[in-house]
Amino acid sequence: MDYSREPHGVYFLIDNKSFYASVECVSRGLEPLKTCLVVMSETDNTNGGLILATSPMAKQLFHITNVSRRRDLPDDPRLIIVPPRMNLYIKKNLQINTIFQRFVADEDLYPYSIDESILDLTHSWRLFGSSPQQVAQLIQDTVHKELGLRLTVGIGENPLQAKIALDVYAKHDQNFIGQITYATVPTKLWTISNLVDVWSIGKRTAHHLTRLGITNLFELAHSNPYMLVQEMGVIGAQLFALAWGIDRSKLSQRIKPKDKSLGNSQVLPRDYSQQIEIELVIKEIGQQVAARVRHHHQLTSCLSLSIGFAYAASAAAKRSGFSHECKLEPTDDSRLITSQLLRLFRQFWQGEAVRNIAVYCSQLCANTGEQLDLFTPLCRQIKQQQFNHVVDQVRAKFGTTSLVMASSLLQGGTLIRRSALVGGHNGGNSFE
């Protein structure tokens, strides 16, 4: 492969090591790398809560993984279990990225998630050290000194190399720093035997590649790219480039998705078996999504409903749930959207206990005018439109719970409780 025409930059992909758990340790005056601590979502439901974050020591001693359940935790006095404080984590994330801004220009900083950021130091790293590794160490030391948090840094000549260096090498390095370059692709990339260890390759993609006789990155890099494109479309071309460590993206050129969608999902506080309770939550989420559509001055012509079954129901039904969508005339009307969602649910639900509900609106277009329905009286359509906007205005000014449907007060309603959550979890106190 001729890399002479590929971009040769200096990119850092920085991860806040066990971020939620580390923040909780620091706020308690504990050393994040030496403390056994897990952040648990809920503790008062049938499955005992979801593990959101685990400190490195807890992983090492008890082999705990994230998204496990309370039932999977050992009964050990050394293990500290705490609830999430999302407001605090957001605050710390902003503080960390403010530190990053000392090393790069604003357009060269891309917050990838709440605990990861991408930095393009191509034009600035020489201001802070004699090598990229030295600059990475300086950033680590600065954040640890000011915030007490540990960083893991992947270094590459493009964002892809930096991401794989972070995930595969840096997290297991003594200094929490890993690096991949074009020159080290054969020794650092092609030696990765498990495809799912590589960013962007999930289990389904790995199974597809296995059916093509490709079981590792070496075989992927030396496969026929035209065959990959024929079998997998544009994804095949992207995977071939990945295997050679090629990524031509630029942080300063933000990508705008062609087809946007708006949606909300919720893990229910317990298993819901009664139809009336499940449909109540579907209505609440549908109304919330419809309000978001109106807030963005959009109309939707495609609705998607995803239902995730409870643990026992999944085993009995031999499927984890179902997901279906329907087309409709462009609309932002809460009543129409919720009625279509309920129709989908009643059509495909067969009495299984439900634990997760997700609603999405896609195929959005600008709301440039109201499309009248010839089969509904004009005055009723106008009143419904005005009603939706009045409710939106009141909630925007006084809060989501200032106006709620009476049904949300019934057993099973979650709207009032969810209004106090941040990112689906307890917001907590933003102050340490």
Protein backbone atom coordinates (compact mmCIF):
# COMPACT_ATOMS: atom_id res chain seq x y z
CA MET A 1 0.00 0.00 0.00
CA ASP A 2 1.37 3.42 -0.98
CA TYR A 3 0.77 5.73 1.99
CA SER A 4 2.55 8.73 0.47
CA ARG A 5 -0.72 10.38 -0.57
CA GLU A 6 -2.54 9.64 2.69
CA PRO A 7 -2.83 12.36 5.37
CA HIS A 8 -0.05 12.16 7.95
CA GLY A 9 -1.16 13.98 11.07
CA VAL A 10 -0.87 13.62 14.83
CA TYR A 11 -4.15 12.63 16.45
CA PHE A 12 -4.90 11.79 20.06
CA LEU A 13 -7.98 9.85 21.10
CA ILE A 14 -8.23 10.34 24.85
CA ASP A 15 -10.37 8.27 27.17
CA ASN A 16 -11.16 9.10 30.79
CA LYS A 17 -10.34 5.79 32.42
CA SER A 18 -13.46 4.28 34.04
CA PHE A 19 -14.88 7.80 33.99
CA TYR A 20 -18.01 7.60 36.15
CA ALA A 21 -16.34 5.35 38.72
CA SER A 22 -13.18 7.49 38.78
CA VAL A 23 -15.17 10.69 39.35
CA GLU A 24 -16.99 9.04 42.25
CA CYS A 25 -13.69 7.87 43.75
CA VAL A 26 -12.08 11.31 43.50
CA SER A 27 -15.14 13.00 45.03
CA ARG A 28 -14.72 10.67 48.03
CA GLY A 29 -10.97 11.27 48.34
CA LEU A 30 -10.13 7.80 47.05
CA GLU A 31 -7.56 6.73 44.46
CA PRO A 32 -9.46 5.60 41.32
CA LEU A 33 -6.96 2.89 40.41
CA LYS A 34 -6.89 1.33 43.89
CA THR A 35 -10.56 1.44 44.88
CA CYS A 36 -13.25 -1.18 44.27
CA LEU A 37 -16.30 0.84 43.23
CA VAL A 38 -19.23 0.44 40.86
CA VAL A 39 -21.82 2.97 39.73
CA MET A 40 -25.26 1.36 39.79
CA SER A 41 -28.32 2.80 38.04
CA GLU A 42 -31.34 1.43 39.89
CA THR A 43 -31.43 -0.65 43.06
CA ASP A 44 -35.18 -0.93 43.63
CA ASN A 45 -36.33 -3.00 40.66
CA THR A 46 -36.64 -6.67 39.83
CA ASN A 47 -33.22 -7.05 38.24
CA GLY A 48 -31.43 -5.04 40.90
CA GLY A 49 -30.09 -2.24 38.74
CA LEU A 50 -27.62 -1.89 35.89
CA ILE A 51 -23.87 -1.43 36.37
CA LEU A 52 -22.91 1.75 34.52
CA ALA A 53 -19.23 1.93 35.42
CA THR A 54 -16.66 -0.19 37.22
CA SER A 55 -13.32 0.89 38.65
CA PRO A 56 -10.22 -0.93 37.31
CA MET A 57 -9.58 -2.62 40.67
CA ALA A 58 -13.16 -3.92 40.85
CA LYS A 59 -12.78 -5.36 37.35
CA GLN A 60 -9.49 -7.00 38.30
CA LEU A 61 -10.60 -8.53 41.61
CA PHE A 62 -14.20 -9.44 40.87
CA HIS A 63 -14.26 -9.67 37.05
CA ILE A 64 -17.20 -7.24 36.89
CA THR A 65 -18.23 -5.85 33.52
CA ASN A 66 -20.38 -2.85 32.68
CA VAL A 67 -24.09 -3.42 31.88
CA SER A 68 -24.12 -6.36 34.27
CA ARG A 69 -26.83 -6.52 36.93
CA ARG A 70 -26.83 -6.18 40.71
CA ARG A 71 -27.34 -9.92 40.93
CA ASP A 72 -23.89 -10.39 39.34
CA LEU A 73 -22.05 -8.51 42.11
CA PRO A 74 -20.22 -10.41 44.84
CA ASP A 75 -21.14 -9.88 48.48
CA ASP A 76 -17.83 -8.33 49.51
CA PRO A 77 -17.34 -5.46 52.01
CA ARG A 78 -14.51 -4.03 49.89
CA LEU A 79 -16.92 -3.22 47.07
CA ILE A 80 -18.49 0.27 47.18
CA ILE A 81 -21.80 0.67 45.32
CA VAL A 82 -22.95 4.21 44.51
CA PRO A 83 -25.78 5.76 42.44
CA PRO A 84 -24.96 7.83 39.33
CA ARG A 85 -24.61 11.61 39.39
CA MET A 86 -24.88 12.60 35.75
CA ASN A 87 -24.70 16.34 36.38
CA LEU A 88 -21.36 15.86 38.10
CA TYR A 89 -20.01 13.76 35.22
CA ILE A 90 -21.08 16.39 32.69
CA LYS A 91 -19.37 19.07 34.78
CA LYS A 92 -16.13 17.06 34.89
CA ASN A 93 -16.30 16.37 31.16
CA LEU A 94 -16.52 20.12 30.48
CA GLN A 95 -13.55 20.75 32.78
CA ILE A 96 -11.47 18.11 31.02
CA ASN A 97 -12.24 19.46 27.56
CA THR A 98 -11.39 22.96 28.78
CA ILE A 99 -7.93 21.63 29.64
CA PHE A 100 -7.67 20.07 26.17
CA GLN A 101 -8.34 23.50 24.66
CA ARG A 102 -4.97 24.63 26.01
CA PHE A 103 -3.31 22.24 23.56
CA VAL A 104 -5.45 22.56 20.40
CA ALA A 105 -7.65 25.08 18.64
CA ASP A 106 -11.41 24.76 19.11
CA GLU A 107 -11.92 23.35 15.61
CA ASP A 108 -9.31 20.65 16.31
CA LEU A 109 -11.15 19.33 19.39
CA TYR A 110 -14.02 16.88 18.96
CA PRO A 111 -15.79 15.54 22.08
CA TYR A 112 -16.53 12.01 20.88
CA SER A 113 -18.59 11.00 23.94
CA ILE A 114 -18.90 11.95 27.60
CA ASP A 115 -15.62 10.16 28.35
CA GLU A 116 -13.71 10.35 25.05
CA SER A 117 -12.35 13.21 22.96
CA ILE A 118 -10.39 13.43 19.71
CA LEU A 119 -7.60 16.01 19.42
CA ASP A 120 -5.85 17.00 16.20
CA LEU A 121 -2.39 18.08 17.37
CA THR A 122 -0.84 18.04 13.89
CA HIS A 123 -0.04 21.76 14.01
CA SER A 124 0.45 22.26 17.75
CA TRP A 125 2.17 19.31 19.40
CA ARG A 126 5.67 20.74 18.91
CA LEU A 127 4.73 23.63 21.19
CA PHE A 128 4.46 21.29 24.16
CA GLY A 129 7.10 18.58 23.78
CA SER A 130 9.73 16.87 21.71
CA SER A 131 7.48 13.94 20.76
CA PRO A 132 3.76 13.12 20.66
CA GLN A 133 4.29 10.66 23.51
CA GLN A 134 5.74 13.43 25.67
CA VAL A 135 2.78 15.68 24.92
CA ALA A 136 0.39 12.86 25.79
CA GLN A 137 2.16 12.43 29.12
CA LEU A 138 1.89 16.18 29.76
CA ILE A 139 -1.87 16.14 29.10
CA GLN A 140 -2.27 13.12 31.40
CA ASP A 141 -0.28 14.81 34.18
CA THR A 142 -2.19 18.08 33.82
CA VAL A 143 -5.61 16.45 34.13
CA HIS A 144 -4.47 14.25 37.02
CA LYS A 145 -2.96 17.17 38.90
CA GLU A 146 -5.99 19.44 38.49
CA LEU A 147 -8.86 16.94 38.59
CA GLY A 148 -7.40 13.73 40.01
CA LEU A 149 -8.53 11.70 36.98
CA ARG A 150 -6.49 9.27 34.89
CA LEU A 151 -6.42 9.46 31.09
CA THR A 152 -5.70 6.82 28.49
CA VAL A 153 -4.29 8.11 25.18
CA GLY A 154 -4.24 6.52 21.74
CA ILE A 155 -1.91 8.18 19.21
CA GLY A 156 -2.14 7.79 15.45
CA GLU A 157 -1.52 9.52 12.14
CA ASN A 158 -5.29 9.65 11.67
CA PRO A 159 -8.32 9.30 13.99
CA LEU A 160 -8.84 5.62 13.11
CA GLN A 161 -5.32 4.66 14.12
CA ALA A 162 -5.66 6.66 17.34
CA LYS A 163 -8.94 4.92 18.22
CA ILE A 164 -7.58 1.41 17.69
CA ALA A 165 -4.39 2.32 19.54
CA LEU A 166 -6.54 3.45 22.46
CA ASP A 167 -8.84 0.43 22.57
CA VAL A 168 -6.33 -2.33 21.89
CA TYR A 169 -3.01 -1.09 23.27
CA ALA A 170 -3.20 2.02 25.47
CA LYS A 171 -5.64 0.55 27.99
CA HIS A 172 -3.18 -2.27 28.69
CA ASP A 173 0.01 -0.18 28.64
CA GLN A 174 1.87 0.70 31.83
CA ASN A 175 1.72 4.41 30.96
CA PHE A 176 -1.77 4.18 29.41
CA ILE A 177 -0.39 5.34 26.05
CA GLY A 178 -0.54 3.42 22.77
CA GLN A 179 0.47 4.38 19.25
CA ILE A 180 -0.15 3.14 15.71
CA THR A 181 1.37 4.59 12.54
CA TYR A 182 1.31 3.61 8.90
CA ALA A 183 4.69 1.97 9.40
CA THR A 184 3.41 -0.21 12.25
CA VAL A 185 0.19 -1.39 10.57
CA PRO A 186 1.62 -4.90 9.91
CA THR A 187 2.73 -5.34 13.54
CA LYS A 188 -0.03 -3.43 15.35
CA LEU A 189 -3.13 -3.94 13.18
CA TRP A 190 -2.69 -7.19 11.30
CA THR A 191 -1.78 -9.05 14.50
CA ILE A 192 -5.26 -8.40 15.97
CA SER A 193 -6.92 -11.80 15.73
CA ASN A 194 -10.37 -10.99 17.12
CA LEU A 195 -12.32 -8.80 14.71
CA VAL A 196 -14.79 -7.53 17.31
CA ASP A 197 -11.90 -6.00 19.27
CA VAL A 198 -11.64 -3.41 16.50
CA TRP A 199 -13.74 -0.26 16.56
CA SER A 200 -16.73 -0.32 14.14
CA ILE A 201 -16.71 -4.11 13.73
CA GLY A 202 -19.60 -5.64 15.66
CA LYS A 203 -20.64 -9.25 16.02
CA ARG A 204 -22.93 -9.22 12.97
CA THR A 205 -20.23 -7.68 10.77
CA ALA A 206 -17.68 -10.18 12.11
CA HIS A 207 -20.03 -13.09 11.33
CA HIS A 208 -20.54 -11.74 7.81
CA LEU A 209 -16.78 -11.54 7.29
CA THR A 210 -16.34 -15.04 8.70
CA ARG A 211 -18.79 -16.37 6.12
CA LEU A 212 -16.50 -14.82 3.51
CA GLY A 213 -13.52 -16.64 4.98
CA ILE A 214 -12.10 -13.58 6.78
CA THR A 215 -11.35 -14.16 10.46
CA ASN A 216 -8.73 -11.52 11.31
CA LEU A 217 -7.41 -8.14 10.14
CA PHE A 218 -4.52 -9.67 8.16
CA GLU A 219 -6.97 -11.65 6.05
CA LEU A 220 -9.22 -8.59 5.72
CA ALA A 221 -6.32 -6.45 4.49
CA HIS A 222 -5.32 -9.05 1.92
CA SER A 223 -8.80 -9.86 0.65
CA ASN A 224 -10.19 -8.71 -2.67
CA PRO A 225 -11.62 -5.19 -2.12
CA TYR A 226 -13.97 -5.55 -5.09
CA MET A 227 -15.40 -8.71 -3.55
CA LEU A 228 -15.94 -6.88 -0.26
CA VAL A 229 -17.79 -4.07 -1.99
CA GLN A 230 -19.89 -6.55 -3.95
CA GLU A 231 -20.81 -8.44 -0.76
CA MET A 232 -21.14 -5.58 1.72
CA GLY A 233 -21.49 -2.38 -0.27
CA VAL A 234 -19.76 0.78 0.95
CA ILE A 235 -19.14 -0.89 4.32
CA GLY A 236 -16.86 -3.36 2.55
CA ALA A 237 -14.72 -0.54 1.16
CA GLN A 238 -14.55 1.07 4.62
CA LEU A 239 -13.47 -2.18 6.23
CA PHE A 240 -10.74 -2.70 3.65
CA ALA A 241 -9.41 0.81 4.35
CA LEU A 242 -9.60 0.14 8.10
CA ALA A 243 -7.46 -2.98 7.75
CA TRP A 244 -4.77 -0.85 6.12
CA GLY A 245 -5.06 1.89 8.77
CA ILE A 246 -6.47 4.47 6.32
CA ASP A 247 -8.79 7.26 7.45
CA ARG A 248 -9.11 10.52 5.50
CA SER A 249 -11.54 12.33 7.81
CA LYS A 250 -10.74 15.78 9.20
CA LEU A 251 -12.00 17.02 12.54
CA SER A 252 -12.43 20.57 11.25
CA GLN A 253 -14.88 19.33 8.61
CA ARG A 254 -17.96 18.36 10.60
CA ILE A 255 -20.17 15.79 8.87
CA LYS A 256 -23.87 16.52 8.66
CA PRO A 257 -26.05 13.39 8.44
CA LYS A 258 -28.28 13.23 5.39
CA ASP A 259 -31.20 11.62 7.18
CA LYS A 260 -31.78 12.80 10.74
CA SER A 261 -34.04 11.14 13.25
CA LEU A 262 -35.43 12.13 16.62
CA GLY A 263 -36.33 9.69 19.33
CA ASN A 264 -36.33 8.59 22.94
CA SER A 265 -35.90 5.26 24.66
CA GLN A 266 -36.42 4.07 28.18
CA VAL A 267 -35.50 1.10 30.33
CA LEU A 268 -38.55 0.56 32.49
CA PRO A 269 -38.12 0.50 36.29
CA ARG A 270 -39.58 -3.03 36.40
CA ASP A 271 -41.04 -5.67 34.12
CA TYR A 272 -44.32 -4.44 32.60
CA SER A 273 -46.81 -7.20 31.85
CA GLN A 274 -50.11 -5.35 31.73
CA GLN A 275 -51.08 -3.90 28.37
CA ILE A 276 -52.56 -0.75 29.89
CA GLU A 277 -49.27 0.11 31.62
CA ILE A 278 -47.12 -0.59 28.56
CA GLU A 279 -49.37 1.52 26.35
CA LEU A 280 -49.30 4.34 28.90
CA VAL A 281 -45.50 4.56 28.62
CA ILE A 282 -45.68 4.33 24.81
CA LYS A 283 -48.06 7.32 24.85
CA GLU A 284 -45.75 9.30 27.14
CA ILE A 285 -42.67 8.66 25.02
CA GLY A 286 -44.61 9.29 21.80
CA GLN A 287 -45.80 12.66 23.09
CA GLN A 288 -42.27 13.54 24.18
CA VAL A 289 -40.84 12.67 20.75
CA ALA A 290 -43.61 14.61 19.00
CA ALA A 291 -42.73 17.65 21.12
CA ARG A 292 -39.10 17.32 20.01
CA VAL A 293 -40.21 17.18 16.38
CA ARG A 294 -42.16 20.40 16.84
CA HIS A 295 -39.27 22.02 18.70
CA HIS A 296 -37.06 21.47 15.65
CA HIS A 297 -39.81 22.76 13.32
CA GLN A 298 -39.96 19.41 11.53
CA LEU A 299 -42.58 16.95 10.33
CA THR A 300 -42.13 13.18 10.39
CA SER A 301 -43.38 10.68 7.85
CA CYS A 302 -41.93 7.51 9.40
CA LEU A 303 -42.43 6.15 12.92
CA SER A 304 -40.41 3.36 14.54
CA LEU A 305 -41.36 1.43 17.68
CA SER A 306 -38.92 -0.94 19.37
CA ILE A 307 -39.98 -3.15 22.26
CA GLY A 308 -37.42 -5.01 24.37
CA PHE A 309 -38.66 -7.98 26.37
CA ALA A 310 -37.85 -8.68 30.00
CA TYR A 311 -35.12 -11.22 30.81
CA ALA A 312 -37.44 -14.16 31.45
CA ALA A 313 -39.74 -13.25 28.56
CA SER A 314 -36.78 -13.13 26.15
CA ALA A 315 -35.73 -16.64 27.14
CA ALA A 316 -39.28 -17.99 26.81
CA ALA A 317 -40.01 -16.28 23.48
CA LYS A 318 -36.49 -17.00 22.14
CA ARG A 319 -36.22 -13.41 20.92
CA SER A 320 -35.23 -10.19 22.65
CA GLY A 321 -38.15 -8.15 21.34
CA PHE A 322 -39.38 -6.61 18.12
CA SER A 323 -38.97 -3.44 16.10
CA HIS A 324 -41.31 -2.19 13.38
CA GLU A 325 -42.01 1.03 11.56
CA CYS A 326 -44.87 2.58 9.64
CA LYS A 327 -45.32 5.35 7.10
CA LEU A 328 -47.71 8.25 7.54
CA GLU A 329 -48.42 11.64 6.07
CA PRO A 330 -45.93 14.26 7.34
CA THR A 331 -47.09 15.37 10.78
CA ASP A 332 -46.03 16.67 14.18
CA ASP A 333 -49.35 15.95 15.88
CA SER A 334 -48.93 14.15 19.22
CA ARG A 335 -52.31 12.45 18.98
CA LEU A 336 -51.70 11.01 15.51
CA ILE A 337 -48.17 9.88 16.37
CA THR A 338 -49.23 8.10 19.57
CA SER A 339 -52.20 6.42 17.87
CA GLN A 340 -49.91 4.96 15.19
CA LEU A 341 -47.44 3.75 17.81
CA LEU A 342 -50.22 2.00 19.71
CA ARG A 343 -51.42 0.38 16.48
CA LEU A 344 -47.92 -1.00 15.88
CA PHE A 345 -47.70 -2.31 19.42
CA ARG A 346 -51.07 -4.04 19.36
CA GLN A 347 -50.29 -5.62 16.01
CA PHE A 348 -47.04 -7.33 17.07
CA TRP A 349 -47.19 -7.74 20.87
CA GLN A 350 -48.14 -11.22 22.04
CA GLY A 351 -48.34 -10.73 25.80
CA GLU A 352 -44.63 -10.77 26.64
CA ALA A 353 -43.34 -8.81 29.65
CA VAL A 354 -41.63 -5.62 28.49
CA ARG A 355 -38.52 -3.91 29.89
CA ASN A 356 -37.44 -1.47 27.18
CA ILE A 357 -39.38 0.89 24.89
CA ALA A 358 -37.95 3.10 22.13
CA VAL A 359 -39.69 5.49 19.75
CA TYR A 360 -38.06 7.21 16.77
CA CYS A 361 -39.28 9.62 14.10
CA SER A 362 -37.39 9.70 10.79
CA GLN A 363 -37.74 10.97 7.24
CA LEU A 364 -38.03 14.47 8.64
CA CYS A 365 -38.85 17.52 6.56
CA ALA A 366 -39.18 21.20 7.37
CA ASN A 367 -42.54 22.29 8.71
CA THR A 368 -43.47 24.92 6.15
CA GLY A 369 -47.21 24.59 6.57
CA GLU A 370 -50.02 22.41 7.86
CA GLN A 371 -51.35 19.72 5.54
CA LEU A 372 -55.12 19.63 6.06
CA ASP A 373 -57.05 16.38 6.26
CA LEU A 374 -60.23 16.37 4.16
CA PHE A 375 -61.86 13.83 6.47
CA THR A 376 -61.43 15.87 9.68
CA PRO A 377 -63.24 19.15 10.35
CA LEU A 378 -61.00 22.16 9.80
CA CYS A 379 -61.72 23.70 13.21
CA ARG A 380 -60.71 20.47 14.97
CA GLN A 381 -57.39 20.32 13.13
CA ILE A 382 -56.57 23.94 13.97
CA LYS A 383 -57.52 23.49 17.63
CA GLN A 384 -55.34 20.38 17.92
CA GLN A 385 -52.38 22.21 16.38
CA GLN A 386 -52.85 25.17 18.72
CA PHE A 387 -53.24 22.83 21.70
CA ASN A 388 -49.90 21.12 20.94
CA HIS A 389 -48.04 24.42 20.68
CA VAL A 390 -49.59 25.86 23.85
CA VAL A 391 -48.55 22.77 25.80
CA ASP A 392 -45.02 23.06 24.36
CA GLN A 393 -44.77 26.71 25.38
CA VAL A 394 -45.96 26.09 28.92
CA ARG A 395 -43.56 23.19 29.41
CA ALA A 396 -40.66 25.17 27.92
CA LYS A 397 -41.25 27.98 30.41
CA PHE A 398 -42.26 26.08 33.55
CA GLY A 399 -40.86 22.58 33.08
CA THR A 400 -42.03 19.26 31.67
CA THR A 401 -44.15 18.39 34.69
CA SER A 402 -46.03 21.70 34.71
CA LEU A 403 -48.59 20.09 32.39
CA VAL A 404 -49.03 16.32 32.33
CA MET A 405 -51.79 14.02 31.19
CA ALA A 406 -53.84 12.68 34.11
CA SER A 407 -52.94 9.15 32.96
CA SER A 408 -49.30 9.81 33.88
CA LEU A 409 -50.39 9.77 37.53
CA LEU A 410 -51.57 6.18 37.20
CA GLN A 411 -49.49 3.19 38.26
CA GLY A 412 -46.96 2.49 35.54
CA GLY A 413 -46.57 6.09 34.37
CA THR A 414 -42.96 7.20 34.12
CA LEU A 415 -43.09 10.74 32.70
CA ILE A 416 -42.88 12.56 36.02
CA ARG A 417 -40.00 10.43 37.26
CA ARG A 418 -38.11 10.63 33.96
CA SER A 419 -38.30 14.43 33.96
CA ALA A 420 -35.75 14.49 36.79
CA LEU A 421 -33.28 12.21 35.01
CA VAL A 422 -30.22 13.21 33.00
CA GLY A 423 -29.31 10.88 30.15
CA GLY A 424 -31.78 8.38 31.57
CA HIS A 425 -30.08 8.26 34.96
CA ASN A 426 -30.06 10.10 38.26
CA GLY A 427 -28.73 13.62 37.81
CA GLY A 428 -27.55 13.86 41.40
CA ASN A 429 -25.75 16.89 42.67
CA SER A 430 -23.37 18.60 40.30
CA PHE A 431 -21.19 19.71 43.21
CA GLU A 432 -18.70 17.49 44.96
